[in-house]
């Protein structure tokens, strides 16, 4: 009888499982990457950033870097004296772990003033899953029906 209950519970959970929403990886500046001449305010406009997403800064490490700064330092383009706040590899990934405003600048002299600065707002939760296509909805529905039938038949066989 315990096996029967376990199968029924498993069937209910399998049929009610929601769609999984995954974190998003954002390449800052898209194909242009992190460099002078890009309007990062425009790049960020219309994007939603959530806890768990990542920012990927791709740049020439011999001429650029990335510093995470506070709002005041962002406005004044002040590079922190603490190098541990900087990234210098040219392929830096930053996981967005908390909600709120986040500010990033290039610490090379004149680059922040030249526009190499990014401000984003990180939201709680996860990005909404894209709307399923008709084909995937049909496939999911058929799969759920198939699972339901398997568990029903298995339950009947175990009970009798």
N, C-alpha and C. Protein backbone atom coordinates (compact mmCIF):
# COMPACT_ATOMS: atom_id res chain seq x y z
N UNK A 1 0.82 -1.20 0.00
CA UNK A 1 0.00 0.00 0.00
C UNK A 1 0.86 1.26 0.00
N UNK A 2 2.04 1.21 0.66
CA UNK A 2 2.93 2.36 0.68
C UNK A 2 3.45 2.67 -0.72
N UNK A 3 3.70 1.61 -1.51
CA UNK A 3 4.16 1.82 -2.88
C UNK A 3 3.07 2.49 -3.70
N UNK A 4 1.83 2.08 -3.49
CA UNK A 4 0.70 2.67 -4.21
C UNK A 4 0.60 4.16 -3.93
N UNK A 5 0.68 4.55 -2.67
CA UNK A 5 0.61 5.97 -2.31
C UNK A 5 1.78 6.75 -2.91
N UNK A 6 2.96 6.15 -2.87
CA UNK A 6 4.14 6.81 -3.44
C UNK A 6 3.96 7.05 -4.93
N UNK A 7 3.44 6.08 -5.63
CA UNK A 7 3.23 6.24 -7.07
C UNK A 7 2.20 7.32 -7.37
N UNK A 8 1.14 7.35 -6.60
CA UNK A 8 0.10 8.36 -6.81
C UNK A 8 0.68 9.75 -6.55
N UNK A 9 1.41 9.90 -5.45
CA UNK A 9 2.02 11.19 -5.14
C UNK A 9 3.00 11.59 -6.24
N UNK A 10 3.82 10.63 -6.70
CA UNK A 10 4.77 10.93 -7.77
C UNK A 10 4.05 11.35 -9.04
N UNK A 11 2.96 10.68 -9.36
CA UNK A 11 2.19 11.01 -10.56
C UNK A 11 1.63 12.42 -10.46
N UNK A 12 1.10 12.78 -9.31
CA UNK A 12 0.54 14.12 -9.13
C UNK A 12 1.64 15.18 -9.27
N UNK A 13 2.78 14.94 -8.65
CA UNK A 13 3.90 15.88 -8.74
C UNK A 13 4.37 16.00 -10.19
N UNK A 14 4.51 14.88 -10.90
CA UNK A 14 4.98 14.90 -12.29
C UNK A 14 4.02 15.68 -13.18
N UNK A 15 2.74 15.53 -12.94
CA UNK A 15 1.75 16.21 -13.78
C UNK A 15 1.63 17.69 -13.46
N UNK A 16 1.97 18.08 -12.26
CA UNK A 16 1.83 19.47 -11.84
C UNK A 16 3.15 20.25 -11.90
N UNK A 17 4.24 19.63 -12.32
CA UNK A 17 5.54 20.28 -12.32
C UNK A 17 5.52 21.50 -13.23
N UNK A 18 5.89 22.67 -12.71
CA UNK A 18 5.89 23.88 -13.54
C UNK A 18 7.08 23.90 -14.49
N UNK A 19 7.00 24.76 -15.47
CA UNK A 19 8.11 24.95 -16.40
C UNK A 19 9.29 25.54 -15.63
N UNK A 20 10.48 25.10 -15.96
CA UNK A 20 11.67 25.59 -15.29
C UNK A 20 12.13 26.87 -15.98
N UNK A 21 12.45 27.87 -15.18
CA UNK A 21 12.95 29.14 -15.71
C UNK A 21 14.43 29.23 -15.38
N UNK A 22 15.25 29.47 -16.40
CA UNK A 22 16.69 29.50 -16.20
C UNK A 22 17.22 30.92 -16.13
N UNK A 23 18.35 31.07 -15.48
CA UNK A 23 19.00 32.37 -15.41
C UNK A 23 19.52 32.75 -16.80
N UNK A 24 19.71 34.05 -16.99
CA UNK A 24 20.17 34.57 -18.27
C UNK A 24 21.60 35.04 -18.16
N UNK A 25 22.40 34.75 -19.18
CA UNK A 25 23.75 35.27 -19.28
C UNK A 25 23.73 36.44 -20.25
N UNK A 26 24.10 37.62 -19.76
CA UNK A 26 24.13 38.83 -20.59
C UNK A 26 25.57 39.15 -20.94
N UNK A 27 25.88 39.24 -22.23
CA UNK A 27 27.18 39.73 -22.66
C UNK A 27 27.03 41.24 -22.77
N UNK A 28 27.73 41.96 -21.90
CA UNK A 28 27.61 43.43 -21.85
C UNK A 28 28.09 44.00 -23.19
N UNK A 29 27.20 44.76 -23.83
CA UNK A 29 27.51 45.34 -25.13
C UNK A 29 27.25 44.38 -26.29
N UNK A 30 26.71 43.21 -25.99
CA UNK A 30 26.46 42.17 -27.00
C UNK A 30 27.74 41.90 -27.80
N UNK A 31 27.67 41.90 -29.13
CA UNK A 31 28.84 41.57 -29.96
C UNK A 31 29.96 42.61 -29.85
N UNK A 32 29.63 43.84 -29.48
CA UNK A 32 30.65 44.88 -29.35
C UNK A 32 31.48 44.71 -28.09
N UNK A 33 30.92 44.10 -27.06
CA UNK A 33 31.64 43.89 -25.82
C UNK A 33 31.79 45.18 -25.01
N UNK A 34 32.81 45.20 -24.17
CA UNK A 34 33.08 46.30 -23.23
C UNK A 34 34.22 47.12 -23.81
N UNK A 35 33.87 48.27 -24.41
CA UNK A 35 34.88 49.12 -25.03
C UNK A 35 34.33 50.53 -25.18
N UNK A 36 35.20 51.45 -25.53
CA UNK A 36 34.79 52.83 -25.77
C UNK A 36 33.88 52.90 -27.00
N UNK A 37 32.99 53.89 -26.98
CA UNK A 37 32.13 54.12 -28.14
C UNK A 37 30.78 53.43 -28.08
N UNK A 38 30.50 52.71 -27.01
CA UNK A 38 29.23 52.00 -26.87
C UNK A 38 28.40 52.73 -25.81
N UNK A 39 27.13 52.91 -26.08
CA UNK A 39 26.24 53.54 -25.11
C UNK A 39 25.62 52.44 -24.25
N UNK A 40 26.22 52.18 -23.12
CA UNK A 40 25.77 51.08 -22.26
C UNK A 40 24.42 51.35 -21.62
N UNK A 41 24.07 52.61 -21.46
CA UNK A 41 22.73 52.94 -20.98
C UNK A 41 21.69 52.45 -21.98
N UNK A 42 21.97 52.65 -23.27
CA UNK A 42 21.06 52.17 -24.31
C UNK A 42 21.05 50.64 -24.35
N UNK A 43 22.22 50.02 -24.17
CA UNK A 43 22.29 48.57 -24.18
C UNK A 43 21.42 47.97 -23.07
N UNK A 44 21.45 48.56 -21.89
CA UNK A 44 20.72 48.02 -20.74
C UNK A 44 19.22 48.32 -20.81
N UNK A 45 18.85 49.35 -21.57
CA UNK A 45 17.45 49.77 -21.64
C UNK A 45 16.59 48.62 -22.19
N UNK A 46 15.50 48.36 -21.50
CA UNK A 46 14.57 47.31 -21.93
C UNK A 46 14.93 45.92 -21.44
N UNK A 47 16.11 45.75 -20.86
CA UNK A 47 16.50 44.44 -20.34
C UNK A 47 16.09 44.36 -18.87
N UNK A 48 15.71 43.17 -18.46
CA UNK A 48 15.42 42.93 -17.04
C UNK A 48 16.48 41.99 -16.50
N UNK A 49 17.08 42.39 -15.41
CA UNK A 49 18.13 41.60 -14.76
C UNK A 49 17.58 41.05 -13.46
N UNK A 50 17.79 39.75 -13.23
CA UNK A 50 17.27 39.08 -12.05
C UNK A 50 18.41 38.44 -11.27
N UNK A 51 18.17 38.26 -9.97
CA UNK A 51 19.12 37.53 -9.13
C UNK A 51 19.37 36.17 -9.78
N UNK A 52 20.63 35.80 -9.91
CA UNK A 52 21.00 34.54 -10.55
C UNK A 52 21.50 34.72 -11.98
N UNK A 53 21.14 35.83 -12.62
CA UNK A 53 21.67 36.13 -13.95
C UNK A 53 23.15 36.45 -13.84
N UNK A 54 23.83 36.46 -14.98
CA UNK A 54 25.24 36.83 -14.99
C UNK A 54 25.50 37.91 -16.05
N UNK A 55 26.47 38.74 -15.74
CA UNK A 55 26.99 39.71 -16.71
C UNK A 55 28.34 39.21 -17.17
N UNK A 56 28.55 39.20 -18.46
CA UNK A 56 29.84 38.81 -19.02
C UNK A 56 30.46 40.05 -19.67
N UNK A 57 31.59 40.46 -19.15
CA UNK A 57 32.33 41.59 -19.71
C UNK A 57 33.45 41.02 -20.58
N UNK A 58 33.37 41.27 -21.88
CA UNK A 58 34.38 40.79 -22.82
C UNK A 58 35.10 42.02 -23.39
N UNK A 59 36.42 42.04 -23.22
CA UNK A 59 37.18 43.23 -23.61
C UNK A 59 38.66 42.88 -23.78
N UNK A 60 39.39 43.80 -24.37
CA UNK A 60 40.83 43.68 -24.52
C UNK A 60 41.46 44.05 -23.16
N UNK A 61 42.01 43.08 -22.48
CA UNK A 61 42.53 43.28 -21.13
C UNK A 61 43.78 44.16 -21.08
N UNK A 62 44.40 44.42 -22.22
CA UNK A 62 45.58 45.29 -22.20
C UNK A 62 45.19 46.76 -22.16
N UNK A 63 43.90 47.06 -22.47
CA UNK A 63 43.48 48.47 -22.49
C UNK A 63 42.23 48.78 -21.67
N UNK A 64 41.59 47.77 -21.09
CA UNK A 64 40.37 48.00 -20.31
C UNK A 64 40.36 47.11 -19.07
N UNK A 65 39.41 47.37 -18.19
CA UNK A 65 39.15 46.55 -17.01
C UNK A 65 37.71 46.83 -16.58
N UNK A 66 37.29 46.21 -15.51
CA UNK A 66 35.94 46.42 -14.97
C UNK A 66 36.04 46.55 -13.46
N UNK A 67 35.43 47.58 -12.93
CA UNK A 67 35.33 47.76 -11.49
C UNK A 67 33.86 47.82 -11.10
N UNK A 68 33.52 47.09 -10.04
CA UNK A 68 32.20 47.25 -9.43
C UNK A 68 32.34 48.39 -8.43
N UNK A 69 31.46 49.41 -8.58
CA UNK A 69 31.57 50.59 -7.73
C UNK A 69 30.22 50.90 -7.09
N UNK A 70 30.23 51.88 -6.19
CA UNK A 70 28.99 52.39 -5.59
C UNK A 70 28.48 53.54 -6.44
N UNK A 71 27.25 53.93 -6.17
CA UNK A 71 26.60 54.97 -6.97
C UNK A 71 27.37 56.27 -7.07
N UNK A 72 27.93 56.74 -5.94
CA UNK A 72 28.68 58.00 -5.95
C UNK A 72 29.93 57.89 -6.84
N UNK A 73 30.63 56.76 -6.73
CA UNK A 73 31.82 56.54 -7.55
C UNK A 73 31.46 56.41 -9.03
N UNK A 74 30.28 55.87 -9.30
CA UNK A 74 29.80 55.75 -10.67
C UNK A 74 29.59 57.14 -11.27
N UNK A 75 28.90 57.99 -10.52
CA UNK A 75 28.61 59.35 -11.01
C UNK A 75 29.89 60.15 -11.25
N UNK A 76 30.86 60.01 -10.35
CA UNK A 76 32.09 60.79 -10.44
C UNK A 76 33.20 60.07 -11.21
N UNK A 77 32.93 58.82 -11.62
CA UNK A 77 33.94 58.00 -12.31
C UNK A 77 35.21 57.83 -11.47
N UNK A 78 35.00 57.59 -10.18
CA UNK A 78 36.13 57.40 -9.26
C UNK A 78 36.44 55.91 -9.15
N UNK A 79 37.68 55.56 -9.47
CA UNK A 79 38.13 54.17 -9.39
C UNK A 79 38.48 53.86 -7.95
N UNK A 80 37.95 52.75 -7.40
CA UNK A 80 38.27 52.40 -6.01
C UNK A 80 39.75 52.07 -5.86
N UNK A 81 40.29 52.37 -4.70
CA UNK A 81 41.70 52.05 -4.44
C UNK A 81 41.89 50.56 -4.17
N UNK A 82 40.79 49.87 -3.87
CA UNK A 82 40.84 48.45 -3.57
C UNK A 82 40.74 47.65 -4.88
N UNK A 83 41.86 47.09 -5.32
CA UNK A 83 41.88 46.33 -6.58
C UNK A 83 41.03 45.06 -6.54
N UNK A 84 40.66 44.60 -5.34
CA UNK A 84 39.83 43.39 -5.27
C UNK A 84 38.44 43.64 -5.84
N UNK A 85 38.07 44.90 -6.02
CA UNK A 85 36.78 45.24 -6.62
C UNK A 85 36.85 45.23 -8.14
N UNK A 86 38.04 45.03 -8.68
CA UNK A 86 38.22 45.07 -10.12
C UNK A 86 38.37 43.69 -10.73
N UNK A 87 38.11 43.65 -12.04
CA UNK A 87 38.30 42.44 -12.83
C UNK A 87 39.18 42.82 -14.01
N UNK A 88 40.11 41.93 -14.36
CA UNK A 88 41.15 42.34 -15.30
C UNK A 88 41.45 41.29 -16.37
N UNK A 89 40.65 40.26 -16.53
CA UNK A 89 41.00 39.16 -17.43
C UNK A 89 40.61 39.39 -18.89
N UNK A 90 39.64 40.25 -19.13
CA UNK A 90 39.13 40.44 -20.49
C UNK A 90 37.95 39.55 -20.80
N UNK A 91 37.65 38.65 -19.89
CA UNK A 91 36.50 37.75 -20.04
C UNK A 91 35.94 37.49 -18.64
N UNK A 92 35.37 38.53 -18.05
CA UNK A 92 34.95 38.48 -16.65
C UNK A 92 33.46 38.22 -16.53
N UNK A 93 33.11 37.28 -15.67
CA UNK A 93 31.71 36.95 -15.43
C UNK A 93 31.37 37.36 -14.00
N UNK A 94 30.28 38.12 -13.89
CA UNK A 94 29.81 38.57 -12.59
C UNK A 94 28.41 38.04 -12.37
N UNK A 95 28.25 37.24 -11.32
CA UNK A 95 26.92 36.70 -10.98
C UNK A 95 26.16 37.74 -10.18
N UNK A 96 24.94 37.99 -10.59
CA UNK A 96 24.09 38.95 -9.89
C UNK A 96 23.43 38.23 -8.71
N UNK A 97 23.97 38.44 -7.53
CA UNK A 97 23.56 37.66 -6.36
C UNK A 97 22.54 38.35 -5.48
N UNK A 98 22.42 39.67 -5.60
CA UNK A 98 21.48 40.40 -4.74
C UNK A 98 20.70 41.41 -5.57
N UNK A 99 19.57 41.83 -5.02
CA UNK A 99 18.74 42.82 -5.70
C UNK A 99 19.31 44.22 -5.52
N UNK A 100 18.82 45.14 -6.33
CA UNK A 100 19.20 46.54 -6.18
C UNK A 100 19.99 47.06 -7.36
N UNK A 101 20.42 48.31 -7.22
CA UNK A 101 21.23 48.94 -8.27
C UNK A 101 22.65 48.43 -8.22
N UNK A 102 23.23 48.22 -9.39
CA UNK A 102 24.62 47.78 -9.54
C UNK A 102 25.29 48.71 -10.53
N UNK A 103 26.55 49.08 -10.22
CA UNK A 103 27.28 50.02 -11.05
C UNK A 103 28.63 49.44 -11.41
N UNK A 104 29.02 49.59 -12.69
CA UNK A 104 30.30 49.09 -13.18
C UNK A 104 30.95 50.16 -14.05
N UNK A 105 32.27 50.30 -13.91
CA UNK A 105 33.01 51.28 -14.72
C UNK A 105 34.31 50.66 -15.21
N UNK A 106 34.87 51.25 -16.26
CA UNK A 106 36.24 50.92 -16.65
C UNK A 106 37.14 51.85 -15.86
N UNK A 107 38.17 51.29 -15.22
CA UNK A 107 39.04 52.07 -14.36
C UNK A 107 40.22 52.72 -15.07
N UNK A 108 40.33 52.51 -16.38
CA UNK A 108 41.43 53.14 -17.13
C UNK A 108 41.13 54.63 -17.25
N UNK A 109 42.15 55.45 -17.04
CA UNK A 109 42.00 56.90 -17.03
C UNK A 109 41.22 57.41 -18.26
N UNK A 110 40.12 58.10 -17.99
CA UNK A 110 39.31 58.72 -19.04
C UNK A 110 38.25 57.83 -19.67
N UNK A 111 38.31 56.52 -19.45
CA UNK A 111 37.36 55.62 -20.10
C UNK A 111 35.95 55.73 -19.53
N UNK A 112 35.84 55.83 -18.21
CA UNK A 112 34.52 55.99 -17.59
C UNK A 112 33.88 57.29 -18.06
N UNK A 113 34.66 58.37 -18.03
CA UNK A 113 34.15 59.65 -18.52
C UNK A 113 33.80 59.58 -20.00
N UNK A 114 34.46 58.68 -20.72
CA UNK A 114 34.19 58.48 -22.14
C UNK A 114 33.02 57.56 -22.41
N UNK A 115 32.34 57.09 -21.36
CA UNK A 115 31.13 56.29 -21.54
C UNK A 115 31.21 54.84 -21.13
N UNK A 116 32.37 54.38 -20.71
CA UNK A 116 32.49 52.97 -20.30
C UNK A 116 32.01 52.82 -18.86
N UNK A 117 30.70 52.88 -18.73
CA UNK A 117 30.06 52.74 -17.42
C UNK A 117 28.69 52.12 -17.63
N UNK A 118 28.30 51.27 -16.70
CA UNK A 118 27.03 50.55 -16.80
C UNK A 118 26.31 50.57 -15.47
N UNK A 119 25.05 50.95 -15.49
CA UNK A 119 24.20 50.89 -14.31
C UNK A 119 23.02 49.99 -14.64
N UNK A 120 22.75 49.03 -13.76
CA UNK A 120 21.58 48.16 -13.93
C UNK A 120 20.84 48.06 -12.60
N UNK A 121 19.62 47.59 -12.68
CA UNK A 121 18.84 47.28 -11.49
C UNK A 121 18.51 45.80 -11.52
N UNK A 122 18.88 45.09 -10.45
CA UNK A 122 18.64 43.66 -10.35
C UNK A 122 17.36 43.43 -9.56
N UNK A 123 16.46 42.65 -10.15
CA UNK A 123 15.16 42.36 -9.54
C UNK A 123 15.18 41.01 -8.85
N UNK A 124 14.27 40.84 -7.91
CA UNK A 124 14.12 39.57 -7.21
C UNK A 124 13.36 38.59 -8.10
N UNK A 125 13.61 37.32 -7.90
CA UNK A 125 12.89 36.31 -8.67
C UNK A 125 13.69 35.90 -9.89
N UNK A 126 12.98 35.28 -10.82
CA UNK A 126 13.61 34.82 -12.05
C UNK A 126 12.89 35.39 -13.24
N UNK A 127 13.58 35.41 -14.33
CA UNK A 127 13.00 35.92 -15.57
C UNK A 127 11.80 35.07 -15.95
N UNK A 128 10.76 35.68 -16.48
CA UNK A 128 9.62 34.90 -16.91
C UNK A 128 10.02 33.98 -18.05
N UNK A 129 9.50 32.77 -18.01
CA UNK A 129 9.80 31.81 -19.07
C UNK A 129 9.13 32.27 -20.36
N UNK A 130 9.78 32.02 -21.50
CA UNK A 130 9.15 32.40 -22.75
C UNK A 130 7.86 31.61 -22.97
N UNK A 131 6.93 32.20 -23.68
CA UNK A 131 5.66 31.52 -23.95
C UNK A 131 5.93 30.27 -24.78
N UNK A 132 5.34 29.15 -24.40
CA UNK A 132 5.60 27.92 -25.15
C UNK A 132 4.95 27.98 -26.53
N UNK A 133 5.59 27.31 -27.48
CA UNK A 133 5.00 27.23 -28.81
C UNK A 133 3.88 26.20 -28.78
N UNK A 134 3.04 26.21 -29.79
CA UNK A 134 1.93 25.26 -29.87
C UNK A 134 2.44 23.83 -29.88
N UNK A 135 3.55 23.59 -30.60
CA UNK A 135 4.11 22.24 -30.68
C UNK A 135 4.61 21.77 -29.32
N UNK A 136 5.31 22.63 -28.58
CA UNK A 136 5.84 22.21 -27.29
C UNK A 136 4.71 22.02 -26.28
N UNK A 137 3.65 22.83 -26.38
CA UNK A 137 2.50 22.67 -25.49
C UNK A 137 1.82 21.34 -25.76
N UNK A 138 1.65 20.99 -27.04
CA UNK A 138 1.03 19.72 -27.41
C UNK A 138 1.88 18.56 -26.93
N UNK A 139 3.19 18.66 -27.11
CA UNK A 139 4.10 17.61 -26.68
C UNK A 139 4.04 17.45 -25.17
N UNK A 140 4.05 18.56 -24.44
CA UNK A 140 3.99 18.50 -22.97
C UNK A 140 2.67 17.88 -22.53
N UNK A 141 1.57 18.27 -23.15
CA UNK A 141 0.26 17.74 -22.79
C UNK A 141 0.21 16.24 -23.06
N UNK A 142 0.70 15.80 -24.22
CA UNK A 142 0.71 14.37 -24.54
C UNK A 142 1.60 13.60 -23.57
N UNK A 143 2.73 14.19 -23.20
CA UNK A 143 3.63 13.54 -22.25
C UNK A 143 2.96 13.39 -20.88
N UNK A 144 2.25 14.42 -20.45
CA UNK A 144 1.55 14.35 -19.17
C UNK A 144 0.45 13.29 -19.22
N UNK A 145 -0.26 13.21 -20.31
CA UNK A 145 -1.30 12.17 -20.45
C UNK A 145 -0.65 10.79 -20.40
N UNK A 146 0.46 10.63 -21.12
CA UNK A 146 1.18 9.36 -21.12
C UNK A 146 1.62 8.98 -19.71
N UNK A 147 2.22 9.94 -18.97
CA UNK A 147 2.63 9.66 -17.60
C UNK A 147 1.44 9.28 -16.73
N UNK A 148 0.36 10.00 -16.90
CA UNK A 148 -0.85 9.69 -16.12
C UNK A 148 -1.34 8.28 -16.37
N UNK A 149 -1.33 7.88 -17.65
CA UNK A 149 -1.78 6.52 -17.99
C UNK A 149 -0.85 5.47 -17.39
N UNK A 150 0.46 5.69 -17.48
CA UNK A 150 1.43 4.74 -16.92
C UNK A 150 1.22 4.58 -15.42
N UNK A 151 1.08 5.69 -14.73
CA UNK A 151 0.92 5.62 -13.28
C UNK A 151 -0.42 5.02 -12.89
N UNK A 152 -1.45 5.28 -13.66
CA UNK A 152 -2.76 4.70 -13.37
C UNK A 152 -2.71 3.19 -13.54
N UNK A 153 -2.14 2.73 -14.65
CA UNK A 153 -2.05 1.28 -14.90
C UNK A 153 -1.18 0.62 -13.83
N UNK A 154 -0.05 1.25 -13.50
CA UNK A 154 0.83 0.69 -12.46
C UNK A 154 0.12 0.62 -11.12
N UNK A 155 -0.63 1.65 -10.80
CA UNK A 155 -1.37 1.66 -9.53
C UNK A 155 -2.42 0.56 -9.49
N UNK A 156 -3.11 0.36 -10.60
CA UNK A 156 -4.15 -0.69 -10.65
C UNK A 156 -3.51 -2.06 -10.49
N UNK A 157 -2.37 -2.28 -11.17
CA UNK A 157 -1.69 -3.57 -11.09
C UNK A 157 -1.21 -3.83 -9.67
N UNK A 158 -0.71 -2.84 -8.99
CA UNK A 158 -0.19 -3.01 -7.64
C UNK A 158 -1.33 -3.26 -6.66
N UNK A 159 -2.45 -2.58 -6.83
CA UNK A 159 -3.57 -2.73 -5.91
C UNK A 159 -4.18 -4.13 -6.03
N UNK A 160 -4.28 -4.65 -7.24
CA UNK A 160 -4.89 -5.98 -7.43
C UNK A 160 -3.84 -7.01 -7.42
